[in-house]
Each structure stands twice: as C-alpha cells, then as structure tokens.
Amino acid sequence: MNNLKDTSGNIINEENEILVGWREYFEELLTTGHTEEENDEEQTERERNYHLLATRTTQELEVEISKNEVIKAIEKMTIGKAPGIDEIRTYIQKRKL
C-alpha cells in the first residue's frame, strides 16, 4: 500500500498526489535559501577545490612506491579477511614475504 503524509499530516493515497508530495518534499529539502549569485560562487569554489585535489592527487600518484612500503602494508594485513578484486588471499601474500 502506497501512502504518504503531506505537510499537514493528512494521508495521501492517490499516485499523482504522492508524486507531487515527494517532489515538494525534495524541493524543500534541497533548497539552500541562497541567491543565484551565492550558488554560483559556491559552485566556482567547489570546482576550484576539485581542481586542486585532482592536481595534488595526480602529483602524489607520480611518486614511486618502494618495496619496503609494500612489505609493511602486507605485514599490516589481517589474515581471514575477504580478498580484494584480485582475489589473492592475505595468507598467500604473507607467505610470499
């Protein structure tokens, strides 16, 4: 049974009214109360932050990973946990050290 309460607490059970109720709910939920200019400034700031993060991440990825870092990471792994996407079990990785 599909029912929804409106803002007055009345139960709505007709499909079109339910859709309108959900639309109104999400519009209210997502309304920031900011002007369009403030929203544009926030968007610009988010884009600037994303660009800085992407640039920093790219630079970090260019650093080579040492053999000692890999060994330390494998030693920290807990045996008995689910394998990753490579399906290699932890106990196999630790045995190869």
C-alpha atoms as a PDB file:
ATOM      1  CA  MET A   1       0.000   0.000   0.000  1.00  0.00           C
ATOM      2  CA  ASN A   2       1.460   3.366  -1.023  1.00  0.00           C
ATOM      3  CA  ASN A   3       0.591   6.192   1.320  1.00  0.00           C
ATOM      4  CA  LEU A   4       2.276   9.452   2.151  1.00  0.00           C
ATOM      5  CA  LYS A   5       1.591  12.156   4.715  1.00  0.00           C
ATOM      6  CA  ASP A   6       1.533  15.728   3.483  1.00  0.00           C
ATOM      7  CA  THR A   7       2.942  18.672   5.438  1.00  0.00           C
ATOM      8  CA  SER A   8      -0.374  18.999   7.296  1.00  0.00           C
ATOM      9  CA  GLY A   9      -0.276  15.355   8.380  1.00  0.00           C
ATOM     10  CA  ASN A  10      -3.058  14.234   6.037  1.00  0.00           C
ATOM     11  CA  ILE A  11      -2.636  10.838   4.391  1.00  0.00           C
ATOM     12  CA  ILE A  12      -2.314  10.892   0.599  1.00  0.00           C
ATOM     13  CA  ASN A  13      -3.012   7.678  -1.276  1.00  0.00           C
ATOM     14  CA  GLU A  14      -3.504   8.704  -4.913  1.00  0.00           C
ATOM     15  CA  GLU A  15      -0.469   8.119  -7.102  1.00  0.00           C
ATOM     16  CA  ASN A  16      -0.342  11.612  -8.659  1.00  0.00           C
ATOM     17  CA  GLU A  17      -0.726  13.302  -5.281  1.00  0.00           C
ATOM     18  CA  ILE A  18       2.013  11.093  -3.827  1.00  0.00           C
ATOM     19  CA  LEU A  19       4.388  12.096  -6.641  1.00  0.00           C
ATOM     20  CA  VAL A  20       3.592  15.763  -6.062  1.00  0.00           C
ATOM     21  CA  GLY A  21       4.156  15.276  -2.326  1.00  0.00           C
ATOM     22  CA  TRP A  22       7.582  13.707  -2.883  1.00  0.00           C
ATOM     23  CA  ARG A  23       8.542  16.454  -5.342  1.00  0.00           C
ATOM     24  CA  GLU A  24       7.576  19.144  -2.818  1.00  0.00           C
ATOM     25  CA  TYR A  25       9.452  17.314  -0.043  1.00  0.00           C
ATOM     26  CA  PHE A  26      12.691  17.095  -2.028  1.00  0.00           C
ATOM     27  CA  GLU A  27      12.417  20.658  -3.299  1.00  0.00           C
ATOM     28  CA  GLU A  28      12.157  21.849   0.292  1.00  0.00           C
ATOM     29  CA  LEU A  29      14.941  19.528   1.399  1.00  0.00           C
ATOM     30  CA  LEU A  30      17.331  20.662  -1.326  1.00  0.00           C
ATOM     31  CA  THR A  31      16.552  24.365  -1.233  1.00  0.00           C
ATOM     32  CA  THR A  32      19.603  26.182   0.120  1.00  0.00           C
ATOM     33  CA  GLY A  33      17.987  29.568   0.666  1.00  0.00           C
ATOM     34  CA  HIS A  34      20.878  31.223  -1.180  1.00  0.00           C
ATOM     35  CA  THR A  35      20.634  33.631  -4.058  1.00  0.00           C
ATOM     36  CA  GLU A  36      21.637  32.511  -7.533  1.00  0.00           C
ATOM     37  CA  GLU A  37      24.835  34.562  -7.234  1.00  0.00           C
ATOM     38  CA  GLU A  38      25.756  32.825  -3.959  1.00  0.00           C
ATOM     39  CA  ASN A  39      25.063  29.432  -5.542  1.00  0.00           C
ATOM     40  CA  ASP A  40      27.326  30.355  -8.490  1.00  0.00           C
ATOM     41  CA  GLU A  41      30.094  31.388  -6.075  1.00  0.00           C
ATOM     42  CA  GLU A  42      29.736  28.100  -4.171  1.00  0.00           C
ATOM     43  CA  GLN A  43      29.876  26.149  -7.441  1.00  0.00           C
ATOM     44  CA  THR A  44      33.009  28.026  -8.504  1.00  0.00           C
ATOM     45  CA  GLU A  45      34.625  27.327  -5.118  1.00  0.00           C
ATOM     46  CA  ARG A  46      33.739  23.599  -5.373  1.00  0.00           C
ATOM     47  CA  GLU A  47      35.234  23.457  -8.875  1.00  0.00           C
ATOM     48  CA  ARG A  48      38.398  25.211  -7.663  1.00  0.00           C
ATOM     49  CA  ASN A  49      38.719  22.781  -4.734  1.00  0.00           C
ATOM     50  CA  TYR A  50      38.129  19.796  -7.009  1.00  0.00           C
ATOM     51  CA  HIS A  51      40.839  21.008  -9.395  1.00  0.00           C
ATOM     52  CA  LEU A  52      43.310  21.467  -6.520  1.00  0.00           C
ATOM     53  CA  LEU A  53      42.507  17.999  -5.171  1.00  0.00           C
ATOM     54  CA  ALA A  54      42.828  16.387  -8.605  1.00  0.00           C
ATOM     55  CA  THR A  55      46.162  18.124  -9.218  1.00  0.00           C
ATOM     56  CA  ARG A  56      47.530  17.092  -5.823  1.00  0.00           C
ATOM     57  CA  THR A  57      46.346  13.508  -6.263  1.00  0.00           C
ATOM     58  CA  THR A  58      47.971  13.279  -9.686  1.00  0.00           C
ATOM     59  CA  GLN A  59      51.244  14.556  -8.261  1.00  0.00           C
ATOM     60  CA  GLU A  60      51.052  12.047  -5.402  1.00  0.00           C
ATOM     61  CA  LEU A  61      50.472   9.208  -7.869  1.00  0.00           C
ATOM     62  CA  GLU A  62      53.652  10.078  -9.720  1.00  0.00           C
ATOM     63  CA  VAL A  63      55.721   9.110  -6.652  1.00  0.00           C
ATOM     64  CA  GLU A  64      57.093   5.569  -6.864  1.00  0.00           C
ATOM     65  CA  ILE A  65      56.099   3.061  -4.196  1.00  0.00           C
ATOM     66  CA  SER A  66      59.081   1.394  -2.557  1.00  0.00           C
ATOM     67  CA  LYS A  67      59.404  -2.336  -1.914  1.00  0.00           C
ATOM     68  CA  ASN A  68      59.600  -1.639   1.840  1.00  0.00           C
ATOM     69  CA  GLU A  69      56.255   0.224   1.722  1.00  0.00           C
ATOM     70  CA  VAL A  70      54.621  -2.773   0.053  1.00  0.00           C
ATOM     71  CA  ILE A  71      56.117  -5.191   2.599  1.00  0.00           C
ATOM     72  CA  LYS A  72      54.924  -3.039   5.528  1.00  0.00           C
ATOM     73  CA  ALA A  73      51.423  -2.830   4.051  1.00  0.00           C
ATOM     74  CA  ILE A  74      51.242  -6.619   3.587  1.00  0.00           C
ATOM     75  CA  GLU A  75      52.504  -7.204   7.137  1.00  0.00           C
ATOM     76  CA  LYS A  76      49.686  -5.000   8.491  1.00  0.00           C
ATOM     77  CA  MET A  77      47.029  -7.017   6.645  1.00  0.00           C
ATOM     78  CA  THR A  78      44.801  -9.245   8.751  1.00  0.00           C
ATOM     79  CA  ILE A  79      44.527 -12.928   7.818  1.00  0.00           C
ATOM     80  CA  GLY A  80      40.997 -14.202   7.297  1.00  0.00           C
ATOM     81  CA  LYS A  81      39.576 -11.070   5.702  1.00  0.00           C
ATOM     82  CA  ALA A  82      37.883 -11.159   2.314  1.00  0.00           C
ATOM     83  CA  PRO A  83      40.242 -10.827  -0.657  1.00  0.00           C
ATOM     84  CA  GLY A  84      40.270  -7.774  -2.857  1.00  0.00           C
ATOM     85  CA  ILE A  85      39.374  -7.545  -6.510  1.00  0.00           C
ATOM     86  CA  ASP A  86      42.490  -9.566  -7.398  1.00  0.00           C
ATOM     87  CA  GLU A  87      41.106 -12.499  -5.325  1.00  0.00           C
ATOM     88  CA  ILE A  88      44.539 -13.060  -3.726  1.00  0.00           C
ATOM     89  CA  ARG A  89      44.108 -14.202  -0.121  1.00  0.00           C
ATOM     90  CA  THR A  90      46.082 -12.462   2.629  1.00  0.00           C
ATOM     91  CA  TYR A  91      47.771 -15.629   3.854  1.00  0.00           C
ATOM     92  CA  ILE A  92      49.206 -16.197   0.368  1.00  0.00           C
ATOM     93  CA  GLN A  93      50.607 -12.671   0.230  1.00  0.00           C
ATOM     94  CA  LYS A  94      52.170 -13.035   3.677  1.00  0.00           C
ATOM     95  CA  ARG A  95      53.644 -16.447   2.843  1.00  0.00           C
ATOM     96  CA  LYS A  96      55.448 -14.954  -0.192  1.00  0.00           C
ATOM     97  CA  LEU A  97      57.321 -12.417   2.004  1.00  0.00           C
END
